[in-house]
Amino acid sequence: MVISTLLKRLNDVSISRKLYFIIVIIALLGFVGLYASGFAIAPLPVLSLVLATIGVFIVITLNRSLIEDLNGITKGVALVTKGSFKARVHVYSRHEVGVLAMAFNDMANTFEQKIVELKLTEENLIREKERAEHFEKAKKHFLVNMSHEIRTPMNAILGFARYLQESLTEKDQQESIKMIVKSGEHLLATLNDILDLSNIETGEVSFMKLPFNLRDAVAAIYQLMESNAKQKKIGLSYSLDDNIPDCIIYGDSVRLSQILLSLTSNALKFTEYGHVSITAKAVSDDDDERIAIEFRVKDTGIGIPIEKRDKIFEPFEQGTNHMTRKFGGTGIGLSIVKHLITMQHGEINVDSVPNQGSEFCVKLSFFKTNLCKDRWDGQHNKDLTSSADVTSGKGIRVLIVEDNAINQLLVIKLLQKHGYETTVAENGEIALHKYSAADFDIILMDLQMPEMDGYEATVHIRNMESYKKDVPIVAMTAHTIKGEMEKCLSIGMNDYISKPFHANELYEKISSLVKEVIPIPER
């Protein structure tokens, strides 16, 4: 016990103190040897003195070497701690502490090499980040331009189709043009998803809450897919339970159609014989504000292996490579469907048996009519494709700033049909000249135009020093990127309408901004 305590305490003593202790012991031994011989010159005392002297010399030398090596290592550690990885320790000896000093130098060399590698990696990462940011900007620029170039003609296609729909009287013709409109809306929704896929993944997709009839929406899906089913000689049917309300509900009917069309199209594509059915029923009616609807799309197709059921909702994935080769497609449809459902706080599940068929179940909630009466003005209760009850625009002067000739003609036809007085300017610069020479009650301003775009033209108008600076300006644009509306409002525009637009949407915005024709004050 005493020995272990003594050894423990000795371990806590520094090496230099131990060496000093040894020096003292050797010196005492030499002194004792001399004292025992009576300080006489004899072989034994002389030998003791010589050994003591040699011992003291060795111990002093060893102590000096240890202290120098240890001090060097301590200083090197301090420098490395401060970030100086070029610090090296001078090796004074080849004994254990010297080996430790050399090991420290090797470690410092390794650190320095790793630091150089890390700096190179950091520089590479910075370059890759800059390259990624460059490609991201290029991608955004490409999407913005593609969105504008695709949505601009789509505005004319859907606009003229709706315009023609109002003038047709034969039922067959009305049904045909209705299918053109529905197909165009579906194509537009698909184009939006492709162009804005990154926004879908980040949840930056907006949803409308407009009135629609659920029975009509499901029937339209059936009518659109009926010809495909007949071509493949596959049965197609739809049914709605009696508990489905036969009144107007509020939600995004375009997104709902996109979801059901994608699921039904997939069911038909992967079914070679048998039947595809679409069903809907109300599964919850306890909430006074909302109603939950469950949609099921069932087929007798090839089915999905159990290990692939989760992967089919991932982008660019299909059940098997064989399916991709045989049936084609990008594999993006179900991924978009899942995103659209999830962002509406809905659910989607799939039950499938290989070689027997699949059933997709979608649950979404919608606002009831009685909740939304106070949230929507009366015009939203009409079919948006109808404009029979629109207030006359007689006496209202509209300046249309639009560079696309087809869209010019469309807006002119829509406005002149209800008595609006229209003037066209092909770009912002021409618009400023025409607005300076005449008075208008409202300006419909396209954003992307040659010579002078809509942003610059709006800034010029808002900087005028007369009453003209207060004219209402509505942005008309095919751009759909996030923040576009905020940008328009920040420079002084009053409202924003996205192409393609419904005729009633255009009339409503004009009506809300031009309450009445006010006499122009004297200049």
Protein backbone atom coordinates (compact mmCIF):
# COMPACT_ATOMS: atom_id res chain seq x y z
CA MET A 1 0.00 0.00 0.00
CA VAL A 2 2.80 2.36 0.98
CA ILE A 3 4.85 1.36 -2.07
CA SER A 4 1.93 1.87 -4.50
CA THR A 5 1.18 5.28 -2.97
CA LEU A 6 4.85 6.21 -3.27
CA LEU A 7 5.00 5.08 -6.91
CA LYS A 8 1.82 7.01 -7.72
CA ARG A 9 3.28 10.17 -6.22
CA LEU A 10 6.56 9.62 -8.04
CA ASN A 11 4.63 9.33 -11.34
CA ASP A 12 3.22 12.79 -10.73
CA VAL A 13 6.74 14.26 -10.36
CA SER A 14 8.17 15.88 -13.49
CA ILE A 15 11.06 14.23 -15.33
CA SER A 16 13.40 17.15 -14.63
CA ARG A 17 12.75 16.95 -10.91
CA LYS A 18 13.38 13.22 -10.96
CA LEU A 19 16.69 13.85 -12.71
CA TYR A 20 17.64 16.50 -10.17
CA PHE A 21 16.76 14.01 -7.46
CA ILE A 22 19.04 11.41 -9.07
CA ILE A 23 21.87 13.99 -9.26
CA VAL A 24 21.51 14.65 -5.55
CA ILE A 25 21.52 10.93 -4.75
CA ILE A 26 24.66 10.33 -6.85
CA ALA A 27 26.40 13.30 -5.26
CA LEU A 28 25.49 12.04 -1.81
CA LEU A 29 26.79 8.59 -2.66
CA GLY A 30 30.09 10.10 -3.78
CA PHE A 31 30.29 12.19 -0.64
CA VAL A 32 29.48 9.18 1.52
CA GLY A 33 32.22 7.19 -0.23
CA LEU A 34 34.76 9.91 0.42
CA TYR A 35 33.62 10.29 4.01
CA ALA A 36 33.87 6.53 4.63
CA SER A 37 37.47 6.50 3.38
CA GLY A 38 38.34 9.42 5.63
CA PHE A 39 38.86 11.57 2.52
CA ALA A 40 41.94 9.45 1.81
CA ILE A 41 43.14 8.88 -1.70
CA ALA A 42 42.30 5.26 -2.30
CA PRO A 43 41.09 3.26 -5.29
CA LEU A 44 37.52 2.80 -3.99
CA PRO A 45 36.89 6.42 -3.04
CA VAL A 46 38.45 7.60 -6.29
CA LEU A 47 36.26 5.20 -8.23
CA SER A 48 33.19 6.38 -6.33
CA LEU A 49 34.04 9.97 -7.06
CA VAL A 50 34.65 9.30 -10.74
CA LEU A 51 31.38 7.34 -11.06
CA ALA A 52 29.48 10.08 -9.23
CA THR A 53 30.99 12.70 -11.53
CA ILE A 54 30.15 10.67 -14.65
CA GLY A 55 26.63 10.03 -13.33
CA VAL A 56 26.09 13.71 -12.62
CA PHE A 57 27.36 14.60 -16.13
CA ILE A 58 25.12 12.01 -17.78
CA VAL A 59 22.11 13.10 -15.79
CA ILE A 60 22.73 16.80 -16.52
CA THR A 61 23.20 16.04 -20.23
CA LEU A 62 20.09 13.88 -20.30
CA ASN A 63 18.12 16.51 -18.41
CA ARG A 64 19.21 19.23 -20.86
CA SER A 65 18.33 17.08 -23.87
CA LEU A 66 14.92 16.15 -22.44
CA ILE A 67 14.07 19.71 -21.50
CA GLU A 68 15.10 21.07 -24.90
CA ASP A 69 13.18 18.38 -26.80
CA LEU A 70 10.08 18.70 -24.62
CA ASN A 71 10.16 22.50 -24.75
CA GLY A 72 10.48 22.30 -28.55
CA ILE A 73 7.50 19.96 -28.77
CA THR A 74 5.48 22.19 -26.44
CA LYS A 75 6.21 25.27 -28.57
CA GLY A 76 5.36 23.32 -31.74
CA VAL A 77 2.03 22.20 -30.28
CA ALA A 78 1.26 25.81 -29.34
CA LEU A 79 1.99 26.99 -32.88
CA VAL A 80 -0.12 24.24 -34.43
CA THR A 81 -2.95 25.10 -32.04
CA LYS A 82 -2.81 28.69 -33.35
CA GLY A 83 -3.08 27.41 -36.93
CA SER A 84 0.59 27.52 -37.98
CA PHE A 85 0.90 24.09 -39.57
CA LYS A 86 4.39 24.88 -40.89
CA ALA A 87 5.81 24.67 -37.35
CA ARG A 88 8.56 22.04 -36.92
CA VAL A 89 10.45 20.79 -33.85
CA HIS A 90 14.28 20.68 -33.77
CA VAL A 91 15.39 17.13 -32.94
CA TYR A 92 18.26 17.24 -30.41
CA SER A 93 18.61 13.50 -29.85
CA ARG A 94 17.69 10.06 -31.13
CA HIS A 95 16.30 8.67 -27.89
CA GLU A 96 12.60 8.23 -27.09
CA VAL A 97 11.82 11.93 -26.74
CA GLY A 98 13.68 12.61 -29.99
CA VAL A 99 11.54 9.96 -31.67
CA LEU A 100 8.52 11.75 -30.23
CA ALA A 101 9.78 15.02 -31.73
CA MET A 102 10.22 13.37 -35.14
CA ALA A 103 6.72 11.89 -34.85
CA PHE A 104 5.40 15.40 -34.16
CA ASN A 105 7.16 16.69 -37.28
CA ASP A 106 5.65 13.86 -39.34
CA MET A 107 2.25 14.71 -37.94
CA ALA A 108 2.78 18.42 -38.77
CA ASN A 109 3.78 17.43 -42.34
CA THR A 110 0.61 15.37 -42.66
CA PHE A 111 -1.49 18.24 -41.30
CA GLU A 112 0.08 20.68 -43.74
CA GLN A 113 -0.54 18.31 -46.64
CA LYS A 114 -4.15 17.79 -45.55
CA ILE A 115 -4.64 21.54 -45.22
CA VAL A 116 -3.36 22.01 -48.77
CA GLU A 117 -5.74 19.29 -49.96
CA LEU A 118 -8.63 20.86 -48.04
CA LYS A 119 -7.89 24.25 -49.59
CA LEU A 120 -7.85 22.67 -53.04
CA THR A 121 -11.13 20.90 -52.24
CA GLU A 122 -12.60 24.17 -50.96
CA GLU A 123 -11.55 25.95 -54.15
CA ASN A 124 -13.09 23.16 -56.21
CA LEU A 125 -16.29 23.36 -54.18
CA ILE A 126 -16.44 27.12 -54.67
CA ARG A 127 -15.98 26.66 -58.42
CA GLU A 128 -18.64 23.95 -58.48
CA LYS A 129 -20.99 26.15 -56.45
CA GLU A 130 -20.45 29.04 -58.85
CA ARG A 131 -21.02 26.68 -61.77
CA ALA A 132 -24.20 25.32 -60.15
CA GLU A 133 -25.44 28.86 -59.51
CA HIS A 134 -24.69 29.74 -63.13
CA PHE A 135 -26.62 26.70 -64.38
CA GLU A 136 -29.46 27.48 -61.95
CA LYS A 137 -29.69 31.01 -63.35
CA ALA A 138 -29.56 29.62 -66.89
CA LYS A 139 -32.26 27.11 -66.00
CA LYS A 140 -34.47 29.81 -64.49
CA HIS A 141 -33.92 32.03 -67.52
CA PHE A 142 -34.78 29.13 -69.82
CA LEU A 143 -37.94 28.29 -67.85
CA VAL A 144 -39.05 31.92 -67.82
CA ASN A 145 -38.60 32.23 -71.59
CA MET A 146 -40.19 28.84 -72.29
CA SER A 147 -43.10 29.65 -70.01
CA HIS A 148 -43.66 32.92 -71.86
CA GLU A 149 -43.30 31.38 -75.33
CA ILE A 150 -45.66 28.48 -74.58
CA ARG A 151 -48.27 30.28 -72.51
CA THR A 152 -48.60 33.16 -74.99
CA PRO A 153 -50.00 31.00 -77.84
CA MET A 154 -51.96 28.93 -75.30
CA ASN A 155 -53.68 32.15 -74.27
CA ALA A 156 -54.84 32.65 -77.84
CA ILE A 157 -55.88 28.99 -78.31
CA LEU A 158 -57.96 28.85 -75.13
CA GLY A 159 -59.22 32.40 -75.50
CA PHE A 160 -60.55 31.96 -79.02
CA ALA A 161 -61.95 28.51 -78.15
CA ARG A 162 -63.93 30.01 -75.26
CA TYR A 163 -64.96 32.93 -77.46
CA LEU A 164 -66.21 30.50 -80.12
CA GLN A 165 -67.96 28.40 -77.46
CA GLU A 166 -70.26 31.31 -76.62
CA SER A 167 -71.40 31.69 -80.24
CA LEU A 168 -72.21 28.01 -80.91
CA THR A 169 -75.79 26.82 -80.58
CA GLU A 170 -75.65 23.15 -81.65
CA LYS A 171 -75.12 20.76 -78.77
CA ASP A 172 -72.58 18.58 -80.62
CA GLN A 173 -70.51 21.61 -81.53
CA GLN A 174 -70.66 22.90 -77.97
CA GLU A 175 -69.50 19.53 -76.63
CA SER A 176 -66.66 19.45 -79.13
CA ILE A 177 -65.43 22.94 -78.29
CA LYS A 178 -65.86 22.15 -74.59
CA MET A 179 -63.49 19.21 -75.01
CA ILE A 180 -61.01 21.46 -76.81
CA VAL A 181 -61.11 23.87 -73.87
CA LYS A 182 -60.80 21.08 -71.29
CA SER A 183 -57.93 19.50 -73.22
CA GLY A 184 -56.22 22.87 -73.53
CA GLU A 185 -56.56 23.45 -69.79
CA HIS A 186 -55.13 20.02 -69.09
CA LEU A 187 -52.25 20.65 -71.51
CA LEU A 188 -51.62 24.00 -69.87
CA ALA A 189 -51.56 22.45 -66.40
CA THR A 190 -49.12 19.80 -67.63
CA LEU A 191 -46.92 22.43 -69.26
CA ASN A 192 -46.94 24.41 -66.03
CA ASP A 193 -45.81 21.34 -64.10
CA ILE A 194 -42.98 20.63 -66.52
CA LEU A 195 -41.85 24.24 -66.59
CA ASP A 196 -42.20 24.71 -62.83
CA LEU A 197 -41.17 21.25 -61.59
CA SER A 198 -38.63 22.77 -59.24
CA ASN A 199 -41.38 24.93 -57.74
CA ILE A 200 -43.56 21.87 -57.21
CA GLU A 201 -40.77 20.09 -55.33
CA THR A 202 -40.25 23.09 -53.07
CA GLY A 203 -43.96 23.63 -52.49
CA GLU A 204 -44.14 26.94 -54.34
CA VAL A 205 -47.30 26.12 -56.27
CA SER A 206 -50.46 28.16 -55.70
CA PHE A 207 -53.96 26.67 -55.68
CA MET A 208 -57.20 28.38 -56.61
CA LYS A 209 -60.42 28.25 -54.60
CA LEU A 210 -63.03 28.75 -57.29
CA PRO A 211 -66.58 27.35 -57.54
CA PHE A 212 -67.16 24.21 -59.60
CA ASN A 213 -69.56 21.29 -59.88
CA LEU A 214 -67.87 18.01 -58.93
CA ARG A 215 -70.19 15.86 -61.05
CA ASP A 216 -69.40 17.93 -64.13
CA ALA A 217 -65.67 17.75 -63.38
CA VAL A 218 -65.66 13.93 -63.14
CA ALA A 219 -67.90 13.63 -66.20
CA ALA A 220 -65.44 15.78 -68.16
CA ILE A 221 -62.61 13.37 -67.25
CA TYR A 222 -64.68 10.49 -68.56
CA GLN A 223 -65.45 12.31 -71.81
CA LEU A 224 -61.79 13.15 -72.38
CA MET A 225 -60.62 9.56 -71.81
CA GLU A 226 -63.54 7.77 -73.49
CA SER A 227 -62.02 7.79 -76.98
CA ASN A 228 -58.72 6.37 -75.68
CA ALA A 229 -60.59 3.52 -73.98
CA LYS A 230 -62.60 2.74 -77.10
CA GLN A 231 -59.44 2.70 -79.19
CA LYS A 232 -57.89 0.08 -76.86
CA LYS A 233 -61.25 -1.74 -76.56
CA ILE A 234 -61.20 -1.29 -72.79
CA GLY A 235 -64.27 -0.57 -70.71
CA LEU A 236 -64.37 2.84 -69.00
CA SER A 237 -66.98 3.99 -66.50
CA TYR A 238 -67.49 6.55 -63.77
CA SER A 239 -69.89 6.83 -60.87
CA LEU A 240 -70.56 9.19 -57.98
CA ASP A 241 -72.27 8.13 -54.77
CA ASP A 242 -75.59 9.68 -53.85
CA ASN A 243 -73.88 11.39 -50.90
CA ILE A 244 -71.89 13.59 -53.30
CA PRO A 245 -73.42 17.09 -53.13
CA ASP A 246 -75.12 18.16 -56.34
CA CYS A 247 -74.20 21.79 -55.73
CA ILE A 248 -71.22 24.03 -56.23
CA ILE A 249 -68.15 23.41 -54.08
CA TYR A 250 -64.97 25.46 -53.89
CA GLY A 251 -61.47 24.30 -54.78
CA ASP A 252 -58.98 24.00 -57.62
CA SER A 253 -60.91 22.11 -60.30
CA VAL A 254 -58.00 22.37 -62.78
CA ARG A 255 -55.62 20.64 -60.37
CA LEU A 256 -58.27 18.05 -59.54
CA SER A 257 -58.74 17.36 -63.26
CA GLN A 258 -54.99 17.09 -63.67
CA ILE A 259 -54.78 14.52 -60.87
CA LEU A 260 -57.68 12.40 -62.13
CA LEU A 261 -56.58 12.66 -65.76
CA SER A 262 -53.08 11.50 -64.88
CA LEU A 263 -54.36 8.53 -62.86
CA THR A 264 -56.95 7.57 -65.49
CA SER A 265 -54.46 7.95 -68.34
CA ASN A 266 -52.01 5.71 -66.48
CA ALA A 267 -54.73 3.13 -65.81
CA LEU A 268 -55.65 2.99 -69.49
CA LYS A 269 -52.01 2.87 -70.57
CA PHE A 270 -51.14 -0.09 -68.36
CA THR A 271 -54.37 -2.02 -68.99
CA GLU A 272 -54.40 -4.24 -72.06
CA TYR A 273 -57.82 -5.77 -71.48
CA GLY A 274 -60.62 -5.43 -68.97
CA HIS A 275 -61.99 -2.28 -67.42
CA VAL A 276 -61.08 1.05 -65.81
CA SER A 277 -63.44 2.79 -63.39
CA ILE A 278 -63.53 6.21 -61.72
CA THR A 279 -65.57 6.57 -58.54
CA ALA A 280 -66.13 9.34 -56.01
CA LYS A 281 -67.87 9.49 -52.66
CA ALA A 282 -68.06 11.81 -49.68
CA VAL A 283 -66.24 10.24 -46.72
CA SER A 284 -66.63 13.04 -44.19
CA ASP A 285 -69.41 15.56 -43.73
CA ASP A 286 -69.01 16.43 -40.06
CA ASP A 287 -67.15 19.65 -40.74
CA ASP A 288 -69.40 22.64 -41.36
CA GLU A 289 -66.70 24.27 -43.51
CA ARG A 290 -65.26 21.44 -45.60
CA ILE A 291 -66.27 18.21 -47.27
CA ALA A 292 -63.82 15.34 -47.83
CA ILE A 293 -64.13 13.45 -51.12
CA GLU A 294 -62.53 10.09 -51.86
CA PHE A 295 -61.69 9.36 -55.50
CA ARG A 296 -60.77 5.87 -56.69
CA VAL A 297 -59.30 4.93 -60.07
CA LYS A 298 -59.31 1.17 -60.52
CA ASP A 299 -58.02 -0.92 -63.42
CA THR A 300 -57.48 -4.56 -64.41
CA GLY A 301 -53.99 -3.93 -65.75
CA ILE A 302 -50.54 -5.37 -65.16
CA GLY A 303 -50.34 -4.27 -61.51
CA ILE A 304 -47.33 -3.09 -59.52
CA PRO A 305 -44.85 -5.31 -57.62
CA ILE A 306 -44.98 -4.67 -53.88
CA GLU A 307 -41.33 -3.59 -53.75
CA LYS A 308 -41.99 -0.90 -56.39
CA ARG A 309 -45.09 0.73 -54.88
CA ASP A 310 -43.20 3.46 -53.06
CA LYS A 311 -40.80 4.15 -55.94
CA ILE A 312 -43.55 4.85 -58.49
CA PHE A 313 -44.15 8.21 -56.79
CA GLU A 314 -40.53 9.25 -57.28
CA PRO A 315 -39.63 11.39 -60.33
CA PHE A 316 -38.76 9.53 -63.56
CA GLU A 317 -39.63 6.15 -62.05
CA GLN A 318 -41.89 3.40 -63.36
CA GLY A 319 -42.67 0.00 -61.99
CA THR A 320 -40.03 -1.84 -64.04
CA ASN A 321 -37.63 -1.18 -66.90
CA HIS A 322 -39.80 -3.46 -69.00
CA MET A 323 -42.76 -1.13 -68.41
CA THR A 324 -40.69 1.86 -69.54
CA ARG A 325 -39.66 0.11 -72.76
CA LYS A 326 -43.13 -1.26 -73.51
CA PHE A 327 -45.40 1.58 -72.43
CA GLY A 328 -43.12 4.62 -72.71
CA GLY A 329 -43.59 7.81 -70.73
CA THR A 330 -41.27 9.91 -68.60
CA GLY A 331 -42.38 8.56 -65.24
CA ILE A 332 -43.03 12.07 -63.94
CA GLY A 333 -46.84 11.92 -63.79
CA LEU A 334 -47.34 10.13 -60.46
CA SER A 335 -44.63 12.21 -58.81
CA ILE A 336 -46.46 15.41 -59.79
CA VAL A 337 -49.78 13.90 -58.68
CA LYS A 338 -48.39 13.07 -55.24
CA HIS A 339 -46.92 16.56 -54.86
CA LEU A 340 -50.21 18.23 -55.84
CA ILE A 341 -52.18 16.07 -53.41
CA THR A 342 -49.73 16.50 -50.53
CA MET A 343 -49.61 20.27 -50.95
CA GLN A 344 -53.41 20.32 -50.62
CA HIS A 345 -53.11 18.30 -47.38
CA GLY A 346 -54.62 15.29 -49.10
CA GLU A 347 -53.70 11.62 -49.21
CA ILE A 348 -52.93 9.10 -51.94
CA ASN A 349 -52.60 5.34 -51.55
CA VAL A 350 -52.26 2.45 -53.95
CA ASP A 351 -53.39 -1.16 -53.66
CA SER A 352 -52.13 -3.46 -56.40
CA VAL A 353 -51.77 -7.14 -57.28
CA PRO A 354 -49.38 -8.04 -60.12
CA ASN A 355 -51.22 -9.24 -63.25
CA GLN A 356 -54.60 -8.44 -61.66
CA GLY A 357 -54.74 -4.66 -61.48
CA SER A 358 -54.26 -1.55 -59.36
CA GLU A 359 -56.45 0.85 -57.44
CA PHE A 360 -55.34 4.40 -56.58
CA CYS A 361 -57.24 6.10 -53.78
CA VAL A 362 -57.09 9.91 -53.44
CA LYS A 363 -58.64 11.86 -50.58
CA LEU A 364 -59.06 15.64 -50.88
CA SER A 365 -61.16 18.19 -49.03
CA PHE A 366 -63.06 21.11 -50.52
CA PHE A 367 -64.91 24.13 -49.16
CA LYS A 368 -68.69 23.96 -49.09
CA THR A 369 -70.81 26.54 -50.87
CA ASN A 370 -72.40 27.99 -47.73
CA LEU A 371 -68.98 28.75 -46.23
CA CYS A 372 -67.76 30.61 -49.27
CA LYS A 373 -70.74 32.83 -50.00
CA ASP A 374 -69.16 35.66 -48.06
CA ARG A 375 -65.72 35.05 -49.51
CA TRP A 376 -66.53 35.28 -53.18
CA ASP A 377 -68.46 37.92 -55.05
CA GLY A 378 -71.47 36.94 -57.09
CA GLN A 379 -69.66 36.66 -60.39
CA HIS A 380 -67.62 33.68 -59.15
CA ASN A 381 -70.81 31.66 -58.97
CA LYS A 382 -71.02 31.61 -62.76
CA ASP A 383 -69.22 29.28 -65.11
CA LEU A 384 -65.98 31.05 -65.91
CA THR A 385 -66.36 30.16 -69.58
CA SER A 386 -69.59 32.14 -69.76
CA SER A 387 -69.71 35.90 -69.92
CA ALA A 388 -73.35 36.54 -70.72
CA ASP A 389 -74.00 38.54 -67.55
CA VAL A 390 -70.91 40.70 -67.65
CA THR A 391 -71.60 44.39 -67.09
CA SER A 392 -71.35 46.47 -70.25
CA GLY A 393 -68.06 48.26 -70.80
CA LYS A 394 -69.64 51.02 -72.86
CA GLY A 395 -67.74 54.28 -72.45
CA ILE A 396 -64.68 52.70 -70.84
CA ARG A 397 -61.48 53.41 -72.78
CA VAL A 398 -58.85 50.67 -72.62
CA LEU A 399 -55.24 50.91 -73.83
CA ILE A 400 -53.97 47.42 -74.73
CA VAL A 401 -50.16 47.24 -74.63
CA GLU A 402 -49.32 43.90 -76.29
CA ASP A 403 -46.74 42.92 -78.90
CA ASN A 404 -48.32 39.61 -79.97
CA ALA A 405 -50.76 40.21 -82.83
CA ILE A 406 -52.94 37.19 -82.06
CA ASN A 407 -53.31 38.13 -78.41
CA GLN A 408 -54.05 41.72 -79.47
CA LEU A 409 -56.93 40.44 -81.60
CA LEU A 410 -58.20 38.19 -78.79
CA VAL A 411 -58.31 40.98 -76.18
CA ILE A 412 -59.90 43.37 -78.69
CA LYS A 413 -62.66 40.85 -79.51
CA LEU A 414 -63.32 40.09 -75.84
CA LEU A 415 -63.55 43.78 -74.90
CA GLN A 416 -65.37 45.12 -77.94
CA LYS A 417 -67.98 42.40 -77.51
CA HIS A 418 -69.11 44.21 -74.35
CA GLY A 419 -68.73 47.74 -75.60
CA TYR A 420 -65.26 48.67 -74.40
CA GLU A 421 -63.36 51.23 -76.49
CA THR A 422 -59.95 49.76 -77.32
CA THR A 423 -56.63 51.13 -78.55
CA VAL A 424 -53.54 48.99 -79.17
CA ALA A 425 -49.85 49.78 -78.61
CA GLU A 426 -47.22 47.29 -79.75
CA ASN A 427 -44.69 48.12 -77.01
CA GLY A 428 -44.12 50.39 -74.02
CA GLU A 429 -42.61 53.22 -76.01
CA ILE A 430 -45.62 53.44 -78.35
CA ALA A 431 -47.92 53.14 -75.33
CA LEU A 432 -46.33 56.23 -73.73
CA HIS A 433 -46.85 58.25 -76.91
CA LYS A 434 -50.49 57.17 -77.22
CA TYR A 435 -51.19 57.73 -73.55
CA SER A 436 -49.63 61.21 -73.71
CA ALA A 437 -51.86 62.09 -76.67
CA ALA A 438 -55.15 60.70 -75.32
CA ASP A 439 -56.84 59.70 -72.07
CA PHE A 440 -57.70 56.13 -71.04
CA ASP A 441 -59.58 54.69 -68.09
CA ILE A 442 -57.33 51.64 -67.71
CA ILE A 443 -54.18 50.15 -69.27
CA LEU A 444 -53.65 46.41 -69.88
CA MET A 445 -49.87 46.09 -69.86
CA ASP A 446 -47.91 43.13 -71.20
CA LEU A 447 -44.56 42.76 -69.43
CA GLN A 448 -42.18 41.29 -72.00
CA MET A 449 -42.05 43.45 -75.14
CA PRO A 450 -39.36 44.80 -77.52
CA GLU A 451 -38.06 48.39 -77.39
CA MET A 452 -39.56 49.09 -73.94
CA ASP A 453 -41.07 46.46 -71.65
CA GLY A 454 -44.07 46.85 -69.38
CA TYR A 455 -42.02 47.47 -66.23
CA GLU A 456 -40.23 50.50 -67.69
CA ALA A 457 -43.39 51.88 -69.26
CA THR A 458 -45.21 51.63 -65.92
CA VAL A 459 -42.41 53.48 -64.11
CA HIS A 460 -42.58 56.28 -66.70
CA ILE A 461 -46.35 56.60 -66.24
CA ARG A 462 -46.13 56.65 -62.45
CA ASN A 463 -43.50 59.40 -62.65
CA MET A 464 -45.75 61.73 -64.66
CA GLU A 465 -46.59 65.01 -62.94
CA SER A 466 -50.24 65.18 -64.02
CA TYR A 467 -53.42 63.28 -63.16
CA LYS A 468 -52.37 60.72 -65.80
CA LYS A 469 -49.96 59.06 -63.35
CA ASP A 470 -52.92 57.55 -61.42
CA VAL A 471 -54.42 55.52 -64.27
CA PRO A 472 -55.12 51.86 -63.24
CA ILE A 473 -52.60 49.45 -64.80
CA VAL A 474 -53.14 45.67 -64.98
CA ALA A 475 -50.17 43.47 -65.82
CA MET A 476 -50.92 40.85 -68.48
CA THR A 477 -48.13 38.31 -68.61
CA ALA A 478 -47.28 34.74 -69.48
CA HIS A 479 -44.62 34.72 -66.77
CA THR A 480 -45.52 32.52 -63.80
CA ILE A 481 -42.34 32.63 -61.74
CA LYS A 482 -42.55 33.24 -58.01
CA GLY A 483 -42.47 36.90 -57.04
CA GLU A 484 -43.73 38.22 -60.39
CA MET A 485 -46.94 39.59 -58.90
CA GLU A 486 -45.06 41.24 -56.01
CA LYS A 487 -42.66 42.83 -58.49
CA CYS A 488 -45.53 44.24 -60.55
CA LEU A 489 -47.23 45.71 -57.50
CA SER A 490 -43.98 47.16 -56.17
CA ILE A 491 -43.45 49.33 -59.27
CA GLY A 492 -46.99 50.70 -59.16
CA MET A 493 -49.22 48.30 -61.08
CA ASN A 494 -52.69 47.83 -59.63
CA ASP A 495 -53.34 44.19 -60.46
CA TYR A 496 -51.99 41.15 -62.26
CA ILE A 497 -53.57 38.69 -64.69
CA SER A 498 -51.74 35.59 -65.87
CA LYS A 499 -52.03 34.23 -69.40
CA PRO A 500 -54.01 32.32 -70.41
CA PHE A 501 -56.89 34.03 -68.64
CA HIS A 502 -60.67 33.59 -68.62
CA ALA A 503 -62.73 36.36 -70.20
CA ASN A 504 -64.69 36.91 -66.98
CA GLU A 505 -61.46 37.24 -65.03
CA LEU A 506 -60.44 40.08 -67.34
CA TYR A 507 -63.85 41.77 -67.11
CA GLU A 508 -63.86 41.51 -63.31
CA LYS A 509 -60.44 43.10 -62.93
CA ILE A 510 -61.40 46.00 -65.21
CA SER A 511 -64.72 46.41 -63.39
CA SER A 512 -63.07 46.44 -59.96
CA LEU A 513 -60.54 49.09 -60.99
CA VAL A 514 -62.82 51.28 -63.10
CA LYS A 515 -65.86 51.77 -60.89
CA GLU A 516 -67.35 54.42 -63.10
CA VAL A 517 -66.33 56.61 -66.00
CA ILE A 518 -65.14 59.83 -64.38
CA PRO A 519 -65.05 62.97 -66.54
CA ILE A 520 -61.50 63.90 -67.46
CA PRO A 521 -60.43 67.07 -65.64
CA GLU A 522 -59.39 70.11 -67.58
CA ARG A 523 -55.70 70.32 -68.32
